[in-house]
Amino acid sequence: MPRTIDRDARKAQLAEAVWRVIVERGIGAVSVRTVAAEAGVAVGSLRHLFPTRTELLEFSAELMVDRATARILALPVGDPREHALDVLRQLLPLTPDSRAELEVNIALIAEAPALPGLARIRDEADRALAGACLGLVERLAGRAADDALRQEALRLHALVDGLAVHLLVRGGDPGWALAVLRDEVDRLAG
């Protein structure tokens, strides 16, 4: 069992090194050599776990999605409005870590046309986010999804994506974005 834990920890360490390389130098700088150097491991050790750059990028993307999902699922479920806001805040670049996560995610999305595995991960993450938005909208409205609520969920998903990119590009105080989200949540709750 310890070998598996060591292997999993090493894979996570390498994925985190990929994220740092992307944030600091861009996705074009991600190679087996640069990631190995960033992680402080030998190229052979990295290649043992990830024989190709593609496998390394795919694992890095999956780990990012898994961690974001775990963070959201760990949130306490209480008042529908506050819970919705807590979930939506997790999707915005409000902390250095979530900002880096979004930068890496966008870089990986840009790489998806060349790497079908990344496109698959992107699409699965998008479907999960769409489902989460639908669940939030249903809970806020107090009823099961119909065409109108599915449209509201699509709107919420687009709003969050747009706010995230806007905050990433412009930075600054996110208070205005949080106010926009609160207004939207209040509108959805009626």
N, C-alpha and C. Protein backbone atom coordinates (compact mmCIF):
# COMPACT_ATOMS: atom_id res chain seq x y z
N MET A 1 0.81 -1.21 0.00
CA MET A 1 0.00 0.00 0.00
C MET A 1 0.85 1.27 0.00
N PRO A 2 1.92 1.36 0.79
CA PRO A 2 2.72 2.59 0.78
C PRO A 2 3.23 2.96 -0.61
N ARG A 3 3.56 1.95 -1.44
CA ARG A 3 4.05 2.24 -2.79
C ARG A 3 3.00 3.00 -3.60
N THR A 4 1.72 2.58 -3.46
CA THR A 4 0.64 3.25 -4.18
C THR A 4 0.51 4.68 -3.70
N ILE A 5 0.58 4.88 -2.39
CA ILE A 5 0.48 6.23 -1.84
C ILE A 5 1.64 7.07 -2.35
N ASP A 6 2.84 6.52 -2.32
CA ASP A 6 4.01 7.25 -2.83
C ASP A 6 3.83 7.58 -4.31
N ARG A 7 3.35 6.61 -5.08
CA ARG A 7 3.14 6.82 -6.51
C ARG A 7 2.10 7.90 -6.75
N ASP A 8 0.98 7.84 -6.01
CA ASP A 8 -0.07 8.84 -6.16
C ASP A 8 0.42 10.22 -5.75
N ALA A 9 1.18 10.27 -4.66
CA ALA A 9 1.72 11.55 -4.19
C ALA A 9 2.70 12.12 -5.21
N ARG A 10 3.52 11.26 -5.80
CA ARG A 10 4.48 11.71 -6.81
C ARG A 10 3.74 12.22 -8.05
N LYS A 11 2.69 11.53 -8.46
CA LYS A 11 1.92 11.98 -9.62
C LYS A 11 1.29 13.35 -9.35
N ALA A 12 0.75 13.53 -8.14
CA ALA A 12 0.16 14.82 -7.77
C ALA A 12 1.24 15.90 -7.75
N GLN A 13 2.42 15.57 -7.22
CA GLN A 13 3.53 16.53 -7.19
C GLN A 13 3.90 16.97 -8.61
N LEU A 14 3.91 16.03 -9.53
CA LEU A 14 4.24 16.35 -10.92
C LEU A 14 3.13 17.19 -11.57
N ALA A 15 1.89 16.86 -11.27
CA ALA A 15 0.78 17.66 -11.81
C ALA A 15 0.87 19.10 -11.30
N GLU A 16 1.17 19.26 -10.03
CA GLU A 16 1.31 20.61 -9.47
C GLU A 16 2.48 21.36 -10.12
N ALA A 17 3.52 20.63 -10.47
CA ALA A 17 4.64 21.26 -11.19
C ALA A 17 4.19 21.71 -12.58
N VAL A 18 3.35 20.91 -13.24
CA VAL A 18 2.79 21.31 -14.53
C VAL A 18 2.03 22.62 -14.37
N TRP A 19 1.21 22.70 -13.34
CA TRP A 19 0.41 23.92 -13.12
C TRP A 19 1.32 25.13 -12.93
N ARG A 20 2.40 24.96 -12.15
CA ARG A 20 3.31 26.10 -11.91
C ARG A 20 3.99 26.53 -13.21
N VAL A 21 4.40 25.57 -14.03
CA VAL A 21 5.04 25.91 -15.30
C VAL A 21 4.06 26.67 -16.19
N ILE A 22 2.82 26.21 -16.25
CA ILE A 22 1.83 26.89 -17.08
C ILE A 22 1.61 28.32 -16.60
N VAL A 23 1.45 28.51 -15.29
CA VAL A 23 1.18 29.85 -14.75
C VAL A 23 2.37 30.77 -14.97
N GLU A 24 3.57 30.25 -14.76
CA GLU A 24 4.77 31.10 -14.85
C GLU A 24 5.26 31.32 -16.27
N ARG A 25 5.13 30.28 -17.15
CA ARG A 25 5.74 30.38 -18.47
C ARG A 25 4.82 30.05 -19.64
N GLY A 26 3.62 29.61 -19.36
CA GLY A 26 2.68 29.25 -20.43
C GLY A 26 2.74 27.77 -20.75
N ILE A 27 1.68 27.30 -21.40
CA ILE A 27 1.58 25.87 -21.70
C ILE A 27 2.64 25.40 -22.69
N GLY A 28 3.10 26.31 -23.54
CA GLY A 28 4.15 25.94 -24.49
C GLY A 28 5.45 25.53 -23.81
N ALA A 29 5.63 25.96 -22.57
CA ALA A 29 6.85 25.61 -21.82
C ALA A 29 6.75 24.25 -21.14
N VAL A 30 5.58 23.64 -21.17
CA VAL A 30 5.43 22.33 -20.51
C VAL A 30 6.08 21.25 -21.36
N SER A 31 7.12 20.67 -20.81
CA SER A 31 7.77 19.52 -21.42
C SER A 31 8.17 18.59 -20.29
N VAL A 32 8.55 17.40 -20.64
CA VAL A 32 9.00 16.45 -19.63
C VAL A 32 10.17 17.04 -18.86
N ARG A 33 11.08 17.67 -19.55
CA ARG A 33 12.27 18.25 -18.90
C ARG A 33 11.93 19.42 -17.97
N THR A 34 11.08 20.36 -18.45
CA THR A 34 10.77 21.52 -17.61
C THR A 34 9.97 21.12 -16.38
N VAL A 35 9.07 20.17 -16.54
CA VAL A 35 8.26 19.73 -15.40
C VAL A 35 9.12 18.96 -14.41
N ALA A 36 9.99 18.11 -14.92
CA ALA A 36 10.89 17.38 -14.02
C ALA A 36 11.76 18.36 -13.23
N ALA A 37 12.29 19.36 -13.91
CA ALA A 37 13.12 20.36 -13.22
C ALA A 37 12.30 21.13 -12.19
N GLU A 38 11.09 21.51 -12.54
CA GLU A 38 10.22 22.25 -11.62
C GLU A 38 9.88 21.41 -10.39
N ALA A 39 9.69 20.12 -10.61
CA ALA A 39 9.33 19.22 -9.50
C ALA A 39 10.55 18.74 -8.72
N GLY A 40 11.74 18.97 -9.27
CA GLY A 40 12.96 18.51 -8.60
C GLY A 40 13.15 17.01 -8.67
N VAL A 41 12.74 16.42 -9.80
CA VAL A 41 12.92 14.98 -9.99
C VAL A 41 13.68 14.73 -11.29
N ALA A 42 14.19 13.55 -11.41
CA ALA A 42 14.90 13.16 -12.63
C ALA A 42 13.89 12.94 -13.76
N VAL A 43 14.31 13.22 -14.98
CA VAL A 43 13.45 13.01 -16.15
C VAL A 43 12.98 11.56 -16.20
N GLY A 44 13.86 10.64 -15.89
CA GLY A 44 13.50 9.22 -15.91
C GLY A 44 12.40 8.89 -14.92
N SER A 45 12.42 9.52 -13.77
CA SER A 45 11.37 9.29 -12.77
C SER A 45 10.02 9.78 -13.29
N LEU A 46 10.04 10.94 -13.93
CA LEU A 46 8.81 11.47 -14.50
C LEU A 46 8.31 10.55 -15.62
N ARG A 47 9.22 10.15 -16.49
CA ARG A 47 8.83 9.29 -17.62
C ARG A 47 8.30 7.93 -17.14
N HIS A 48 8.76 7.48 -15.99
CA HIS A 48 8.27 6.21 -15.44
C HIS A 48 6.77 6.33 -15.14
N LEU A 49 6.35 7.49 -14.66
CA LEU A 49 4.94 7.69 -14.33
C LEU A 49 4.13 8.20 -15.51
N PHE A 50 4.74 9.04 -16.32
CA PHE A 50 4.07 9.65 -17.47
C PHE A 50 5.00 9.54 -18.68
N PRO A 51 4.86 8.49 -19.46
CA PRO A 51 5.75 8.32 -20.62
C PRO A 51 5.68 9.44 -21.65
N THR A 52 4.54 10.14 -21.70
CA THR A 52 4.40 11.21 -22.70
C THR A 52 3.91 12.50 -22.05
N ARG A 53 4.15 13.59 -22.74
CA ARG A 53 3.66 14.91 -22.31
C ARG A 53 2.13 14.89 -22.26
N THR A 54 1.52 14.22 -23.22
CA THR A 54 0.06 14.14 -23.28
C THR A 54 -0.50 13.50 -22.02
N GLU A 55 0.08 12.38 -21.60
CA GLU A 55 -0.40 11.71 -20.38
C GLU A 55 -0.22 12.62 -19.16
N LEU A 56 0.86 13.34 -19.12
CA LEU A 56 1.13 14.26 -18.02
C LEU A 56 0.09 15.39 -18.00
N LEU A 57 -0.20 15.97 -19.15
CA LEU A 57 -1.20 17.03 -19.23
C LEU A 57 -2.60 16.52 -18.88
N GLU A 58 -2.94 15.34 -19.38
CA GLU A 58 -4.26 14.79 -19.09
C GLU A 58 -4.43 14.52 -17.60
N PHE A 59 -3.41 13.92 -16.98
CA PHE A 59 -3.49 13.67 -15.54
C PHE A 59 -3.61 14.99 -14.78
N SER A 60 -2.84 15.98 -15.18
CA SER A 60 -2.88 17.28 -14.52
C SER A 60 -4.26 17.91 -14.61
N ALA A 61 -4.89 17.80 -15.77
CA ALA A 61 -6.24 18.34 -15.95
C ALA A 61 -7.25 17.58 -15.10
N GLU A 62 -7.16 16.25 -15.10
CA GLU A 62 -8.10 15.45 -14.31
C GLU A 62 -7.94 15.74 -12.82
N LEU A 63 -6.71 15.88 -12.35
CA LEU A 63 -6.49 16.16 -10.93
C LEU A 63 -7.08 17.53 -10.57
N MET A 64 -6.94 18.49 -11.44
CA MET A 64 -7.49 19.82 -11.17
C MET A 64 -9.01 19.74 -11.06
N VAL A 65 -9.65 19.05 -11.97
CA VAL A 65 -11.10 18.89 -11.93
C VAL A 65 -11.52 18.14 -10.65
N ASP A 66 -10.79 17.08 -10.32
CA ASP A 66 -11.11 16.30 -9.12
C ASP A 66 -11.00 17.15 -7.86
N ARG A 67 -9.97 17.95 -7.76
CA ARG A 67 -9.79 18.79 -6.58
C ARG A 67 -10.86 19.86 -6.47
N ALA A 68 -11.20 20.48 -7.59
CA ALA A 68 -12.26 21.50 -7.57
C ALA A 68 -13.59 20.86 -7.20
N THR A 69 -13.87 19.69 -7.74
CA THR A 69 -15.11 18.98 -7.43
C THR A 69 -15.16 18.62 -5.94
N ALA A 70 -14.06 18.12 -5.41
CA ALA A 70 -14.01 17.76 -3.99
C ALA A 70 -14.24 18.98 -3.10
N ARG A 71 -13.65 20.11 -3.48
CA ARG A 71 -13.85 21.35 -2.71
C ARG A 71 -15.32 21.74 -2.67
N ILE A 72 -15.97 21.63 -3.80
CA ILE A 72 -17.38 22.02 -3.89
C ILE A 72 -18.26 21.03 -3.12
N LEU A 73 -17.98 19.75 -3.27
CA LEU A 73 -18.78 18.74 -2.57
C LEU A 73 -18.60 18.80 -1.05
N ALA A 74 -17.48 19.34 -0.60
CA ALA A 74 -17.21 19.44 0.84
C ALA A 74 -17.93 20.62 1.49
N LEU A 75 -18.52 21.50 0.67
CA LEU A 75 -19.21 22.66 1.23
C LEU A 75 -20.46 22.21 1.98
N PRO A 76 -20.72 22.84 3.12
CA PRO A 76 -21.95 22.48 3.85
C PRO A 76 -23.18 22.94 3.07
N VAL A 77 -24.20 22.10 3.11
CA VAL A 77 -25.45 22.42 2.42
C VAL A 77 -26.42 22.93 3.48
N GLY A 78 -26.81 24.17 3.32
CA GLY A 78 -27.76 24.78 4.25
C GLY A 78 -28.75 25.59 3.48
N ASP A 79 -28.85 26.85 3.82
CA ASP A 79 -29.74 27.77 3.13
C ASP A 79 -29.43 27.73 1.63
N PRO A 80 -30.45 27.54 0.79
CA PRO A 80 -30.20 27.43 -0.66
C PRO A 80 -29.43 28.62 -1.26
N ARG A 81 -29.74 29.83 -0.82
CA ARG A 81 -29.06 31.00 -1.38
C ARG A 81 -27.58 31.02 -0.98
N GLU A 82 -27.33 30.81 0.30
CA GLU A 82 -25.94 30.84 0.77
C GLU A 82 -25.13 29.69 0.19
N HIS A 83 -25.76 28.53 0.08
CA HIS A 83 -25.07 27.39 -0.51
C HIS A 83 -24.73 27.68 -1.98
N ALA A 84 -25.69 28.22 -2.71
CA ALA A 84 -25.43 28.55 -4.11
C ALA A 84 -24.27 29.54 -4.22
N LEU A 85 -24.27 30.55 -3.39
CA LEU A 85 -23.18 31.54 -3.42
C LEU A 85 -21.84 30.89 -3.05
N ASP A 86 -21.85 30.00 -2.07
CA ASP A 86 -20.61 29.30 -1.69
C ASP A 86 -20.07 28.49 -2.87
N VAL A 87 -20.95 27.77 -3.55
CA VAL A 87 -20.53 26.96 -4.71
C VAL A 87 -20.00 27.87 -5.81
N LEU A 88 -20.73 28.92 -6.12
CA LEU A 88 -20.34 29.81 -7.22
C LEU A 88 -19.03 30.53 -6.92
N ARG A 89 -18.79 30.87 -5.66
CA ARG A 89 -17.51 31.51 -5.30
C ARG A 89 -16.33 30.58 -5.60
N GLN A 90 -16.55 29.28 -5.44
CA GLN A 90 -15.48 28.32 -5.71
C GLN A 90 -15.08 28.31 -7.19
N LEU A 91 -15.94 28.82 -8.03
CA LEU A 91 -15.70 28.79 -9.47
C LEU A 91 -15.06 30.07 -9.99
N LEU A 92 -14.84 31.02 -9.09
CA LEU A 92 -14.24 32.29 -9.49
C LEU A 92 -12.80 32.39 -8.98
N PRO A 93 -11.95 33.13 -9.68
CA PRO A 93 -10.55 33.29 -9.26
C PRO A 93 -10.43 34.32 -8.13
N LEU A 94 -10.86 33.94 -6.93
CA LEU A 94 -10.89 34.86 -5.80
C LEU A 94 -9.68 34.72 -4.88
N THR A 95 -8.93 33.64 -5.04
CA THR A 95 -7.73 33.41 -4.23
C THR A 95 -6.57 33.15 -5.19
N PRO A 96 -5.34 33.26 -4.71
CA PRO A 96 -4.21 32.94 -5.60
C PRO A 96 -4.32 31.52 -6.18
N ASP A 97 -4.76 30.57 -5.37
CA ASP A 97 -4.88 29.19 -5.86
C ASP A 97 -5.97 29.05 -6.92
N SER A 98 -7.14 29.66 -6.67
CA SER A 98 -8.22 29.53 -7.65
C SER A 98 -7.91 30.33 -8.92
N ARG A 99 -7.15 31.40 -8.77
CA ARG A 99 -6.71 32.17 -9.95
C ARG A 99 -5.77 31.32 -10.81
N ALA A 100 -4.80 30.68 -10.16
CA ALA A 100 -3.87 29.80 -10.88
C ALA A 100 -4.63 28.64 -11.52
N GLU A 101 -5.58 28.11 -10.80
CA GLU A 101 -6.37 26.99 -11.33
C GLU A 101 -7.10 27.41 -12.61
N LEU A 102 -7.69 28.60 -12.62
CA LEU A 102 -8.38 29.06 -13.81
C LEU A 102 -7.41 29.31 -14.96
N GLU A 103 -6.25 29.90 -14.67
CA GLU A 103 -5.25 30.12 -15.71
C GLU A 103 -4.83 28.80 -16.35
N VAL A 104 -4.61 27.81 -15.51
CA VAL A 104 -4.20 26.48 -16.01
C VAL A 104 -5.35 25.87 -16.81
N ASN A 105 -6.55 25.98 -16.30
CA ASN A 105 -7.70 25.41 -17.00
C ASN A 105 -7.86 26.01 -18.39
N ILE A 106 -7.74 27.31 -18.49
CA ILE A 106 -7.87 27.97 -19.79
C ILE A 106 -6.75 27.52 -20.73
N ALA A 107 -5.55 27.40 -20.21
CA ALA A 107 -4.43 26.94 -21.05
C ALA A 107 -4.67 25.52 -21.54
N LEU A 108 -5.19 24.67 -20.67
CA LEU A 108 -5.46 23.28 -21.07
C LEU A 108 -6.60 23.21 -22.08
N ILE A 109 -7.59 24.07 -21.92
CA ILE A 109 -8.69 24.12 -22.89
C ILE A 109 -8.15 24.53 -24.26
N ALA A 110 -7.23 25.48 -24.26
CA ALA A 110 -6.64 25.93 -25.53
C ALA A 110 -5.86 24.81 -26.20
N GLU A 111 -5.34 23.90 -25.43
CA GLU A 111 -4.55 22.79 -25.96
C GLU A 111 -5.44 21.63 -26.42
N ALA A 112 -6.72 21.64 -26.06
CA ALA A 112 -7.63 20.53 -26.33
C ALA A 112 -7.77 20.16 -27.81
N PRO A 113 -7.77 21.09 -28.75
CA PRO A 113 -7.91 20.66 -30.14
C PRO A 113 -6.81 19.69 -30.60
N ALA A 114 -5.65 19.82 -30.02
CA ALA A 114 -4.54 18.94 -30.40
C ALA A 114 -4.50 17.66 -29.59
N LEU A 115 -5.20 17.64 -28.46
CA LEU A 115 -5.15 16.48 -27.57
C LEU A 115 -6.57 16.03 -27.22
N PRO A 116 -7.08 15.00 -27.90
CA PRO A 116 -8.46 14.56 -27.66
C PRO A 116 -8.75 14.21 -26.19
N GLY A 117 -7.76 13.73 -25.46
CA GLY A 117 -7.97 13.42 -24.05
C GLY A 117 -8.31 14.66 -23.25
N LEU A 118 -7.66 15.78 -23.56
CA LEU A 118 -7.98 17.03 -22.88
C LEU A 118 -9.37 17.52 -23.27
N ALA A 119 -9.75 17.31 -24.52
CA ALA A 119 -11.09 17.70 -24.95
C ALA A 119 -12.13 16.89 -24.18
N ARG A 120 -11.88 15.61 -23.98
CA ARG A 120 -12.79 14.76 -23.22
C ARG A 120 -12.93 15.27 -21.78
N ILE A 121 -11.81 15.59 -21.15
CA ILE A 121 -11.82 16.09 -19.77
C ILE A 121 -12.55 17.43 -19.71
N ARG A 122 -12.27 18.31 -20.66
CA ARG A 122 -12.95 19.61 -20.74
C ARG A 122 -14.45 19.42 -20.84
N ASP A 123 -14.88 18.52 -21.73
CA ASP A 123 -16.31 18.31 -21.94
C ASP A 123 -16.98 17.70 -20.72
N GLU A 124 -16.30 16.76 -20.06
CA GLU A 124 -16.85 16.17 -18.83
C GLU A 124 -16.99 17.23 -17.74
N ALA A 125 -15.97 18.07 -17.60
CA ALA A 125 -16.02 19.13 -16.58
C ALA A 125 -17.13 20.12 -16.90
N ASP A 126 -17.30 20.44 -18.18
CA ASP A 126 -18.36 21.35 -18.58
C ASP A 126 -19.73 20.76 -18.28
N ARG A 127 -19.91 19.47 -18.56
CA ARG A 127 -21.19 18.82 -18.24
C ARG A 127 -21.44 18.80 -16.73
N ALA A 128 -20.39 18.55 -15.96
CA ALA A 128 -20.54 18.55 -14.50
C ALA A 128 -20.93 19.94 -14.00
N LEU A 129 -20.31 20.97 -14.54
CA LEU A 129 -20.65 22.33 -14.13
C LEU A 129 -22.07 22.68 -14.55
N ALA A 130 -22.46 22.27 -15.73
CA ALA A 130 -23.84 22.50 -16.18
C ALA A 130 -24.82 21.80 -15.25
N GLY A 131 -24.50 20.58 -14.85
CA GLY A 131 -25.35 19.85 -13.92
C GLY A 131 -25.42 20.52 -12.56
N ALA A 132 -24.28 21.02 -12.10
CA ALA A 132 -24.25 21.73 -10.81
C ALA A 132 -25.10 22.99 -10.88
N CYS A 133 -25.00 23.73 -11.97
CA CYS A 133 -25.81 24.94 -12.13
C CYS A 133 -27.29 24.59 -12.15
N LEU A 134 -27.64 23.51 -12.83
CA LEU A 134 -29.04 23.09 -12.86
C LEU A 134 -29.52 22.71 -11.46
N GLY A 135 -28.68 21.98 -10.72
CA GLY A 135 -29.04 21.62 -9.35
C GLY A 135 -29.24 22.84 -8.46
N LEU A 136 -28.36 23.81 -8.60
CA LEU A 136 -28.50 25.05 -7.81
C LEU A 136 -29.79 25.78 -8.18
N VAL A 137 -30.07 25.88 -9.46
CA VAL A 137 -31.27 26.58 -9.92
C VAL A 137 -32.52 25.86 -9.43
N GLU A 138 -32.53 24.54 -9.51
CA GLU A 138 -33.69 23.78 -9.02
C GLU A 138 -33.91 24.03 -7.53
N ARG A 139 -32.84 23.99 -6.78
CA ARG A 139 -32.94 24.19 -5.32
C ARG A 139 -33.40 25.62 -5.01
N LEU A 140 -32.86 26.59 -5.73
CA LEU A 140 -33.27 27.98 -5.50
C LEU A 140 -34.73 28.21 -5.86
N ALA A 141 -35.18 27.59 -6.95
CA ALA A 141 -36.56 27.76 -7.40
C ALA A 141 -37.53 26.89 -6.61
N GLY A 142 -37.00 25.85 -5.96
CA GLY A 142 -37.86 24.96 -5.18
C GLY A 142 -38.70 24.03 -6.02
N ARG A 143 -38.20 23.71 -7.23
CA ARG A 143 -38.95 22.78 -8.08
C ARG A 143 -38.00 22.06 -9.03
N ALA A 144 -38.51 20.98 -9.62
CA ALA A 144 -37.72 20.18 -10.56
C ALA A 144 -37.55 20.94 -11.87
N ALA A 145 -36.52 20.55 -12.59
CA ALA A 145 -36.19 21.23 -13.84
C ALA A 145 -37.29 21.08 -14.88
N ASP A 146 -37.55 22.17 -15.54
CA ASP A 146 -38.38 22.21 -16.74
C ASP A 146 -37.59 23.02 -17.76
N ASP A 147 -38.16 23.29 -18.90
CA ASP A 147 -37.42 24.04 -19.92
C ASP A 147 -36.97 25.41 -19.43
N ALA A 148 -37.83 26.07 -18.68
CA ALA A 148 -37.49 27.41 -18.18
C ALA A 148 -36.31 27.34 -17.21
N LEU A 149 -36.32 26.36 -16.31
CA LEU A 149 -35.20 26.25 -15.36
C LEU A 149 -33.92 25.81 -16.05
N ARG A 150 -34.03 24.96 -17.06
CA ARG A 150 -32.82 24.57 -17.81
C ARG A 150 -32.21 25.80 -18.49
N GLN A 151 -33.06 26.69 -18.97
CA GLN A 151 -32.56 27.93 -19.58
C GLN A 151 -31.90 28.82 -18.52
N GLU A 152 -32.48 28.88 -17.33
CA GLU A 152 -31.89 29.66 -16.24
C GLU A 152 -30.54 29.07 -15.83
N ALA A 153 -30.43 27.76 -15.83
CA ALA A 153 -29.17 27.11 -15.47
C ALA A 153 -28.10 27.43 -16.51
N LEU A 154 -28.48 27.43 -17.77
CA LEU A 154 -27.55 27.80 -18.84
C LEU A 154 -27.08 29.24 -18.66
N ARG A 155 -27.99 30.12 -18.31
CA ARG A 155 -27.65 31.52 -18.06
C ARG A 155 -26.68 31.64 -16.88
N LEU A 156 -26.95 30.92 -15.80
CA LEU A 156 -26.07 30.96 -14.63
C LEU A 156 -24.68 30.45 -14.98
N HIS A 157 -24.62 29.36 -15.72
CA HIS A 157 -23.34 28.80 -16.15
C HIS A 157 -22.55 29.82 -16.96
N ALA A 158 -23.21 30.46 -17.91
CA ALA A 158 -22.55 31.47 -18.74
C ALA A 158 -22.10 32.67 -17.91
N LEU A 159 -22.93 33.07 -16.96
CA LEU A 159 -22.59 34.20 -16.10
C LEU A 159 -21.32 33.90 -15.29
N VAL A 160 -21.27 32.72 -14.70
CA VAL A 160 -20.11 32.35 -13.89
C VAL A 160 -18.85 32.28 -14.76
N ASP A 161 -18.96 31.66 -15.92
CA ASP A 161 -17.80 31.58 -16.82
C ASP A 161 -17.33 32.98 -17.21
N GLY A 162 -18.26 33.84 -17.55
CA GLY A 162 -17.90 35.21 -17.95
C GLY A 162 -17.27 36.00 -16.81
N LEU A 163 -17.85 35.90 -15.62
CA LEU A 163 -17.28 36.59 -14.47
C LEU A 163 -15.88 36.09 -14.16
N ALA A 164 -15.69 34.78 -14.27
CA ALA A 164 -14.38 34.19 -13.98
C ALA A 164 -13.32 34.75 -14.92
N VAL A 165 -13.61 34.77 -16.20
CA VAL A 165 -12.64 35.28 -17.17
C VAL A 165 -12.42 36.78 -16.96
N HIS A 166 -13.48 37.51 -16.70
CA HIS A 166 -13.37 38.95 -16.47
C HIS A 166 -12.47 39.23 -15.26
N LEU A 167 -12.69 38.51 -14.17
CA LEU A 167 -11.86 38.69 -12.98
C LEU A 167 -10.41 38.30 -13.24
N LEU A 168 -10.20 37.25 -14.02
CA LEU A 168 -8.85 36.82 -14.34
C LEU A 168 -8.11 37.88 -15.14
N VAL A 169 -8.76 38.44 -16.12
CA VAL A 169 -8.12 39.41 -17.00
C VAL A 169 -7.95 40.77 -16.32
N ARG A 170 -8.98 41.21 -15.63
CA ARG A 170 -8.95 42.56 -15.06
C ARG A 170 -8.47 42.62 -13.62
N GLY A 171 -8.61 41.52 -12.89
CA GLY A 171 -8.19 41.53 -11.48
C GLY A 171 -8.96 42.55 -10.68
N GLY A 172 -8.32 43.07 -9.66
CA GLY A 172 -8.95 44.09 -8.83
C GLY A 172 -9.89 43.49 -7.79
N ASP A 173 -10.61 44.38 -7.16
CA ASP A 173 -11.55 43.99 -6.11
C ASP A 173 -12.70 43.21 -6.73
N PRO A 174 -12.95 41.98 -6.25
CA PRO A 174 -14.02 41.16 -6.84
C PRO A 174 -15.41 41.47 -6.27
N GLY A 175 -15.51 42.50 -5.43
CA GLY A 175 -16.79 42.80 -4.80
C GLY A 175 -17.92 42.97 -5.79
N TRP A 176 -17.66 43.63 -6.91
CA TRP A 176 -18.70 43.85 -7.91
C TRP A 176 -19.20 42.52 -8.48
N ALA A 177 -18.27 41.57 -8.70
CA ALA A 177 -18.64 40.27 -9.27
C ALA A 177 -19.49 39.48 -8.28
N LEU A 178 -19.11 39.56 -7.02
CA LEU A 178 -19.88 38.86 -5.99
C LEU A 178 -21.28 39.47 -5.85
N ALA A 179 -21.38 40.79 -6.03
CA ALA A 179 -22.69 41.44 -6.00
C ALA A 179 -23.54 40.99 -7.18
N VAL A 180 -22.93 40.84 -8.35
CA VAL A 180 -23.66 40.35 -9.52
C VAL A 180 -24.19 38.94 -9.25
N LEU A 181 -23.34 38.09 -8.66
CA LEU A 181 -23.76 36.73 -8.34
C LEU A 181 -24.90 36.73 -7.32
N ARG A 182 -24.76 37.55 -6.30
CA ARG A 182 -25.82 37.61 -5.26
C ARG A 182 -27.14 38.06 -5.90
N ASP A 183 -27.08 39.06 -6.77
CA ASP A 183 -28.30 39.52 -7.44
C ASP A 183 -28.93 38.40 -8.28
N GLU A 184 -28.09 37.64 -8.96
CA GLU A 184 -28.59 36.55 -9.78
C GLU A 184 -29.21 35.44 -8.92
N VAL A 185 -28.54 35.10 -7.84
CA VAL A 185 -29.06 34.08 -6.93
C VAL A 185 -30.41 34.55 -6.34
N ASP A 186 -30.46 35.80 -5.92
CA ASP A 186 -31.72 36.35 -5.39
C ASP A 186 -32.83 36.31 -6.44
N ARG A 187 -32.48 36.64 -7.67
CA ARG A 187 -33.47 36.61 -8.76
C ARG A 187 -33.98 35.19 -8.97
N LEU A 188 -33.05 34.22 -8.97
CA LEU A 188 -33.44 32.83 -9.18
C LEU A 188 -34.29 32.29 -8.03
N ALA A 189 -34.02 32.77 -6.83
CA ALA A 189 -34.79 32.30 -5.67
C ALA A 189 -36.17 32.97 -5.61
N GLY A 190 -36.33 34.02 -6.40
CA GLY A 190 -37.62 34.70 -6.48
C GLY A 190 -37.93 35.45 -5.23
